[in-house]
């Protein structure tokens, strides 16, 4: 089922192509698709994604201009965000470099990202986390995969520490 939404920046339905002022409409998705153990990643030009939902937790990070995201009927302009699993969303991105990462929500990493996504509630992740250096250019899949793994671990590190409970140092201090 497609849920129509109207972008606050551009009056159009979710079935029309994006057209930012003074720019041609972005090309179709062109970039690198990475199928990795634990995630699927896309690194390439941004474009338009009609409203949809999926099982994966999704990280969106723009290395250019902000992305307009519709999340459960609310539109926000963000540099980055995390979309919870099964959450209805869509977005418009300028044809700037964009990273999309899809993570299985039942994995250790997915549970951490899901917790962050629920707390963010569509807020701009780039206001909370320091912008990463862009991933390596070119088609060095191993380097890009390593970069993505490091980036994802950075995003969930705080939640993983919180879930682990007190450290043995903390427990000794309480005795």
Protein backbone atom coordinates (compact mmCIF):
# COMPACT_ATOMS: atom_id res chain seq x y z
CA UNK A 1 0.00 0.00 0.00
CA UNK A 2 1.39 3.41 -0.94
CA UNK A 3 0.68 6.25 1.46
CA UNK A 4 0.78 9.61 -0.33
CA UNK A 5 2.74 12.43 1.23
CA UNK A 6 3.60 15.89 0.08
CA UNK A 7 7.07 17.30 0.50
CA UNK A 8 7.07 20.66 2.31
CA UNK A 9 9.76 21.91 -0.08
CA UNK A 10 8.11 20.76 -3.29
CA UNK A 11 4.42 20.36 -3.96
CA UNK A 12 4.15 16.87 -5.44
CA UNK A 13 2.95 13.44 -4.54
CA UNK A 14 5.21 10.52 -3.65
CA UNK A 15 4.90 9.11 -7.18
CA UNK A 16 6.49 12.10 -8.93
CA UNK A 17 10.23 12.47 -9.46
CA UNK A 18 12.01 14.99 -7.31
CA UNK A 19 12.88 18.34 -8.89
CA UNK A 20 14.85 20.75 -6.73
CA UNK A 21 14.84 24.43 -7.75
CA UNK A 22 17.52 25.33 -10.31
CA UNK A 23 18.59 21.69 -10.74
CA UNK A 24 17.67 18.96 -13.17
CA UNK A 25 15.89 15.99 -11.65
CA UNK A 26 18.44 13.54 -10.19
CA UNK A 27 19.39 10.53 -12.22
CA UNK A 28 18.15 7.15 -11.21
CA UNK A 29 20.08 5.52 -8.42
CA UNK A 30 23.69 5.13 -9.54
CA UNK A 31 26.37 3.94 -7.20
CA UNK A 32 27.90 0.95 -5.48
CA UNK A 33 25.70 -1.72 -3.92
CA UNK A 34 27.49 -3.67 -1.22
CA UNK A 35 26.15 -7.00 0.02
CA UNK A 36 28.00 -7.80 3.21
CA UNK A 37 27.74 -10.11 6.17
CA UNK A 38 25.37 -8.21 8.44
CA UNK A 39 24.28 -5.34 6.19
CA UNK A 40 23.48 -4.16 2.70
CA UNK A 41 24.92 -0.80 1.73
CA UNK A 42 24.47 1.69 -1.09
CA UNK A 43 26.98 4.44 -1.74
CA UNK A 44 26.20 6.76 -4.62
CA UNK A 45 24.08 9.63 -5.83
CA UNK A 46 20.95 10.47 -3.89
CA UNK A 47 17.52 10.39 -5.51
CA UNK A 48 13.86 9.90 -4.57
CA UNK A 49 12.36 6.99 -2.67
CA UNK A 50 8.57 6.75 -2.57
CA UNK A 51 6.91 6.03 0.77
CA UNK A 52 7.51 2.43 1.82
CA UNK A 53 8.47 0.26 4.79
CA UNK A 54 10.84 -2.71 5.15
CA UNK A 55 12.14 -5.16 7.71
CA UNK A 56 15.62 -3.64 7.95
CA UNK A 57 16.77 -0.76 10.12
CA UNK A 58 17.99 1.90 7.67
CA UNK A 59 20.77 4.44 8.13
CA UNK A 60 20.70 7.47 5.80
CA UNK A 61 23.75 9.76 5.72
CA UNK A 62 24.21 12.53 3.17
CA UNK A 63 27.73 13.70 2.38
CA UNK A 64 26.25 16.74 0.66
CA UNK A 65 23.08 18.71 1.15
CA UNK A 66 20.40 17.59 3.62
CA UNK A 67 17.82 14.94 2.80
CA UNK A 68 14.10 15.49 3.16
CA UNK A 69 12.63 12.51 5.03
CA UNK A 70 8.98 11.64 5.58
CA UNK A 71 8.76 9.40 8.64
CA UNK A 72 5.36 8.11 9.76
CA UNK A 73 3.69 11.10 8.11
CA UNK A 74 6.01 13.77 9.50
CA UNK A 75 8.50 15.51 7.17
CA UNK A 76 11.96 16.54 8.38
CA UNK A 77 15.10 17.83 6.71
CA UNK A 78 18.18 16.03 8.02
CA UNK A 79 21.82 15.42 7.21
CA UNK A 80 21.47 11.89 8.56
CA UNK A 81 18.99 9.73 10.41
CA UNK A 82 18.16 6.15 11.31
CA UNK A 83 14.80 4.70 10.27
CA UNK A 84 13.41 1.99 12.57
CA UNK A 85 12.43 -1.38 11.13
CA UNK A 86 8.89 -1.57 9.71
CA UNK A 87 8.50 2.23 9.87
CA UNK A 88 6.73 3.91 6.95
CA UNK A 89 9.08 6.41 5.32
CA UNK A 90 10.20 7.99 2.07
CA UNK A 91 12.80 10.58 1.16
CA UNK A 92 14.14 13.03 -1.36
CA UNK A 93 17.87 13.52 -1.67
CA UNK A 94 19.83 15.86 -3.88
CA UNK A 95 22.11 14.04 -6.34
CA UNK A 96 24.97 14.38 -3.84
CA UNK A 97 26.92 11.47 -2.34
CA UNK A 98 24.62 9.45 -0.11
CA UNK A 99 25.09 6.40 2.09
CA UNK A 100 22.22 4.01 2.77
CA UNK A 101 22.80 1.03 5.03
CA UNK A 102 20.20 -1.65 5.77
CA UNK A 103 20.74 -3.84 8.85
CA UNK A 104 18.83 -6.91 10.04
CA UNK A 105 16.96 -5.65 13.15
CA UNK A 106 17.40 -8.88 15.15
CA UNK A 107 21.20 -8.87 14.99
CA UNK A 108 23.29 -7.37 17.81
CA UNK A 109 24.09 -4.37 15.63
CA UNK A 110 20.47 -4.11 14.43
CA UNK A 111 19.12 -4.04 17.98
CA UNK A 112 21.52 -1.22 18.84
CA UNK A 113 20.60 0.78 15.73
CA UNK A 114 16.89 0.19 16.36
CA UNK A 115 17.26 1.61 19.88
CA UNK A 116 19.06 4.67 18.54
CA UNK A 117 16.42 5.10 15.81
CA UNK A 118 13.56 4.96 18.33
CA UNK A 119 15.24 7.59 20.53
CA UNK A 120 16.02 9.85 17.56
CA UNK A 121 12.44 9.64 16.26
CA UNK A 122 13.57 11.05 12.92
CA UNK A 123 15.79 13.75 14.42
CA UNK A 124 19.00 14.68 12.65
CA UNK A 125 21.66 12.13 13.57
CA UNK A 126 24.33 14.52 12.30
CA UNK A 127 23.45 16.81 15.25
CA UNK A 128 24.35 13.98 17.65
CA UNK A 129 27.22 12.13 15.98
CA UNK A 130 30.28 13.73 14.45
CA UNK A 131 30.20 13.49 10.68
CA UNK A 132 32.35 10.62 9.49
CA UNK A 133 34.94 11.15 6.81
CA UNK A 134 33.42 10.03 3.53
CA UNK A 135 34.11 6.41 2.63
CA UNK A 136 36.93 5.57 0.23
CA UNK A 137 36.30 6.54 -3.39
CA UNK A 138 36.28 4.03 -6.19
CA UNK A 139 35.29 0.41 -6.22
CA UNK A 140 37.54 -1.00 -3.48
CA UNK A 141 34.77 -3.07 -1.95
CA UNK A 142 36.86 -4.37 0.96
CA UNK A 143 37.87 -0.83 2.00
CA UNK A 144 34.28 0.42 1.74
CA UNK A 145 32.99 -2.59 3.67
CA UNK A 146 35.54 -2.00 6.45
CA UNK A 147 34.58 1.69 6.52
CA UNK A 148 30.86 0.81 6.79
CA UNK A 149 31.52 -1.69 9.59
CA UNK A 150 33.50 0.90 11.56
CA UNK A 151 30.83 3.55 10.96
CA UNK A 152 28.00 1.25 12.11
CA UNK A 153 29.93 0.22 15.22
CA UNK A 154 30.42 3.89 16.08
CA UNK A 155 26.67 4.47 15.86
CA UNK A 156 25.78 1.62 18.22
CA UNK A 157 28.77 1.81 20.61
CA UNK A 158 26.94 3.92 23.20
CA UNK A 159 23.88 1.68 23.16
CA UNK A 160 25.97 -1.50 23.38
CA UNK A 161 27.78 -0.11 26.42
CA UNK A 162 24.46 0.82 28.02
CA UNK A 163 23.03 -2.69 27.38
CA UNK A 164 26.11 -4.40 28.82
CA UNK A 165 25.40 -3.09 32.33
CA UNK A 166 28.07 -1.88 34.74
CA UNK A 167 31.68 -2.73 34.03
CA UNK A 168 33.73 -4.81 36.48
CA UNK A 169 35.52 -1.56 37.45
CA UNK A 170 32.17 0.01 38.29
CA UNK A 171 31.19 -3.05 40.35
CA UNK A 172 34.47 -2.96 42.30
CA UNK A 173 33.93 0.73 43.04
CA UNK A 174 30.53 -0.06 44.58
CA UNK A 175 31.98 -2.65 47.01
